[in-house]
Amino acid sequence: MTRVDLADAEAHLSELVAQAASEETVCTTRRGKLLARLIAPRTPRCPVALATLRTLTNFMPVQTETTGGFVGEMRDGDRY
């Protein structure tokens, strides 16, 4: 993590943005107190192929037991 005073950050903004883009956190300060943090944006998640997901779930058996009953049975049965 790089800490830079605000006056220096204004003078070298393009360099600091390049550092942030390369996954390094850059913090700007004024009189030693944190003002702002430059970080790279998170990469977006891959979209879910809905047709593939439906194909997969169509072959799964329908559960007749409730979630609470299933978890309770697991908890009570495996306790000791």
C-alpha atoms as a PDB file:
ATOM      1  CA  MET A   1       0.000   0.000   0.000  1.00  0.00           C
ATOM      2  CA  THR A   2       1.356   3.363  -1.024  1.00  0.00           C
ATOM      3  CA  ARG A   3       0.613   6.447   1.101  1.00  0.00           C
ATOM      4  CA  VAL A   4       0.867   9.819  -0.649  1.00  0.00           C
ATOM      5  CA  ASP A   5       0.207  13.348   0.596  1.00  0.00           C
ATOM      6  CA  LEU A   6      -2.610  15.098  -1.260  1.00  0.00           C
ATOM      7  CA  ALA A   7      -0.321  17.738  -2.793  1.00  0.00           C
ATOM      8  CA  ASP A   8       1.962  15.018  -4.199  1.00  0.00           C
ATOM      9  CA  ALA A   9      -1.043  13.028  -5.388  1.00  0.00           C
ATOM     10  CA  GLU A  10      -2.304  15.995  -7.383  1.00  0.00           C
ATOM     11  CA  ALA A  11       1.073  16.350  -9.066  1.00  0.00           C
ATOM     12  CA  HIS A  12       1.437  12.630  -9.868  1.00  0.00           C
ATOM     13  CA  LEU A  13      -2.149  11.485 -10.357  1.00  0.00           C
ATOM     14  CA  SER A  14      -1.590   9.540 -13.575  1.00  0.00           C
ATOM     15  CA  GLU A  15       1.254   7.535 -11.978  1.00  0.00           C
ATOM     16  CA  LEU A  16      -0.878   6.766  -8.925  1.00  0.00           C
ATOM     17  CA  VAL A  17      -3.801   5.650 -11.073  1.00  0.00           C
ATOM     18  CA  ALA A  18      -1.456   3.321 -12.952  1.00  0.00           C
ATOM     19  CA  GLN A  19      -0.314   1.843  -9.622  1.00  0.00           C
ATOM     20  CA  ALA A  20      -3.920   1.341  -8.534  1.00  0.00           C
ATOM     21  CA  ALA A  21      -4.749  -0.292 -11.867  1.00  0.00           C
ATOM     22  CA  SER A  22      -1.977  -2.828 -11.225  1.00  0.00           C
ATOM     23  CA  GLU A  23      -3.777  -4.018  -8.063  1.00  0.00           C
ATOM     24  CA  GLU A  24      -1.818  -1.839  -5.622  1.00  0.00           C
ATOM     25  CA  THR A  25      -3.782   0.251  -3.135  1.00  0.00           C
ATOM     26  CA  VAL A  26      -2.880   3.943  -3.071  1.00  0.00           C
ATOM     27  CA  CYS A  27      -3.968   6.043  -0.074  1.00  0.00           C
ATOM     28  CA  THR A  28      -3.989   9.823  -0.158  1.00  0.00           C
ATOM     29  CA  THR A  29      -3.491  11.683   3.104  1.00  0.00           C
ATOM     30  CA  ARG A  30      -3.647  15.223   4.438  1.00  0.00           C
ATOM     31  CA  ARG A  31      -1.555  15.942   7.515  1.00  0.00           C
ATOM     32  CA  GLY A  32      -1.162  12.212   8.042  1.00  0.00           C
ATOM     33  CA  LYS A  33      -4.908  11.451   8.043  1.00  0.00           C
ATOM     34  CA  LEU A  34      -6.412   9.195   5.411  1.00  0.00           C
ATOM     35  CA  LEU A  35      -8.563  11.051   2.853  1.00  0.00           C
ATOM     36  CA  ALA A  36      -9.132   8.649  -0.005  1.00  0.00           C
ATOM     37  CA  ARG A  37      -8.116   5.263  -1.313  1.00  0.00           C
ATOM     38  CA  LEU A  38      -7.506   4.378  -4.969  1.00  0.00           C
ATOM     39  CA  ILE A  39      -8.145   0.726  -5.780  1.00  0.00           C
ATOM     40  CA  ALA A  40      -8.624  -1.238  -8.978  1.00  0.00           C
ATOM     41  CA  PRO A  41     -12.247  -2.066  -9.817  1.00  0.00           C
ATOM     42  CA  ARG A  42     -13.401  -5.615  -9.189  1.00  0.00           C
ATOM     43  CA  THR A  43     -13.608  -7.787 -12.242  1.00  0.00           C
ATOM     44  CA  PRO A  44     -17.209  -8.568 -13.157  1.00  0.00           C
ATOM     45  CA  ARG A  45     -18.554 -12.041 -12.595  1.00  0.00           C
ATOM     46  CA  CYS A  46     -19.196 -14.316 -15.526  1.00  0.00           C
ATOM     47  CA  PRO A  47     -22.851 -14.475 -16.485  1.00  0.00           C
ATOM     48  CA  VAL A  48     -24.701 -17.683 -15.656  1.00  0.00           C
ATOM     49  CA  ALA A  49     -25.816 -19.737 -18.637  1.00  0.00           C
ATOM     50  CA  LEU A  50     -29.458 -20.123 -17.662  1.00  0.00           C
ATOM     51  CA  ALA A  51     -30.175 -22.910 -20.151  1.00  0.00           C
ATOM     52  CA  THR A  52     -27.264 -24.975 -18.810  1.00  0.00           C
ATOM     53  CA  LEU A  53     -28.382 -24.427 -15.234  1.00  0.00           C
ATOM     54  CA  ARG A  54     -31.937 -25.501 -16.052  1.00  0.00           C
ATOM     55  CA  THR A  55     -30.642 -28.629 -17.801  1.00  0.00           C
ATOM     56  CA  LEU A  56     -28.670 -29.538 -14.705  1.00  0.00           C
ATOM     57  CA  THR A  57     -31.482 -28.895 -12.240  1.00  0.00           C
ATOM     58  CA  ASN A  58     -34.118 -30.729 -14.309  1.00  0.00           C
ATOM     59  CA  PHE A  59     -32.408 -34.035 -13.481  1.00  0.00           C
ATOM     60  CA  MET A  60     -32.254 -33.377  -9.728  1.00  0.00           C
ATOM     61  CA  PRO A  61     -34.866 -35.139  -7.616  1.00  0.00           C
ATOM     62  CA  VAL A  62     -37.446 -32.986  -5.842  1.00  0.00           C
ATOM     63  CA  GLN A  63     -36.795 -32.845  -2.111  1.00  0.00           C
ATOM     64  CA  THR A  64     -39.822 -33.704   0.031  1.00  0.00           C
ATOM     65  CA  GLU A  65     -38.265 -32.811   3.379  1.00  0.00           C
ATOM     66  CA  THR A  66     -38.111 -29.191   4.544  1.00  0.00           C
ATOM     67  CA  THR A  67     -34.765 -27.510   5.016  1.00  0.00           C
ATOM     68  CA  GLY A  68     -35.375 -27.062   8.732  1.00  0.00           C
ATOM     69  CA  GLY A  69     -36.196 -30.736   9.158  1.00  0.00           C
ATOM     70  CA  PHE A  70     -33.138 -31.810   7.183  1.00  0.00           C
ATOM     71  CA  VAL A  71     -30.740 -29.571   9.118  1.00  0.00           C
ATOM     72  CA  GLY A  72     -32.337 -30.553  12.422  1.00  0.00           C
ATOM     73  CA  GLU A  73     -31.939 -34.245  11.610  1.00  0.00           C
ATOM     74  CA  MET A  74     -28.286 -33.722  10.647  1.00  0.00           C
ATOM     75  CA  ARG A  75     -27.644 -31.772  13.825  1.00  0.00           C
ATOM     76  CA  ASP A  76     -29.369 -34.208  16.148  1.00  0.00           C
ATOM     77  CA  GLY A  77     -28.127 -37.357  14.417  1.00  0.00           C
ATOM     78  CA  ASP A  78     -24.460 -36.351  14.272  1.00  0.00           C
ATOM     79  CA  ARG A  79     -24.195 -34.631  17.609  1.00  0.00           C
ATOM     80  CA  TYR A  80     -22.662 -37.523  19.564  1.00  0.00           C
END
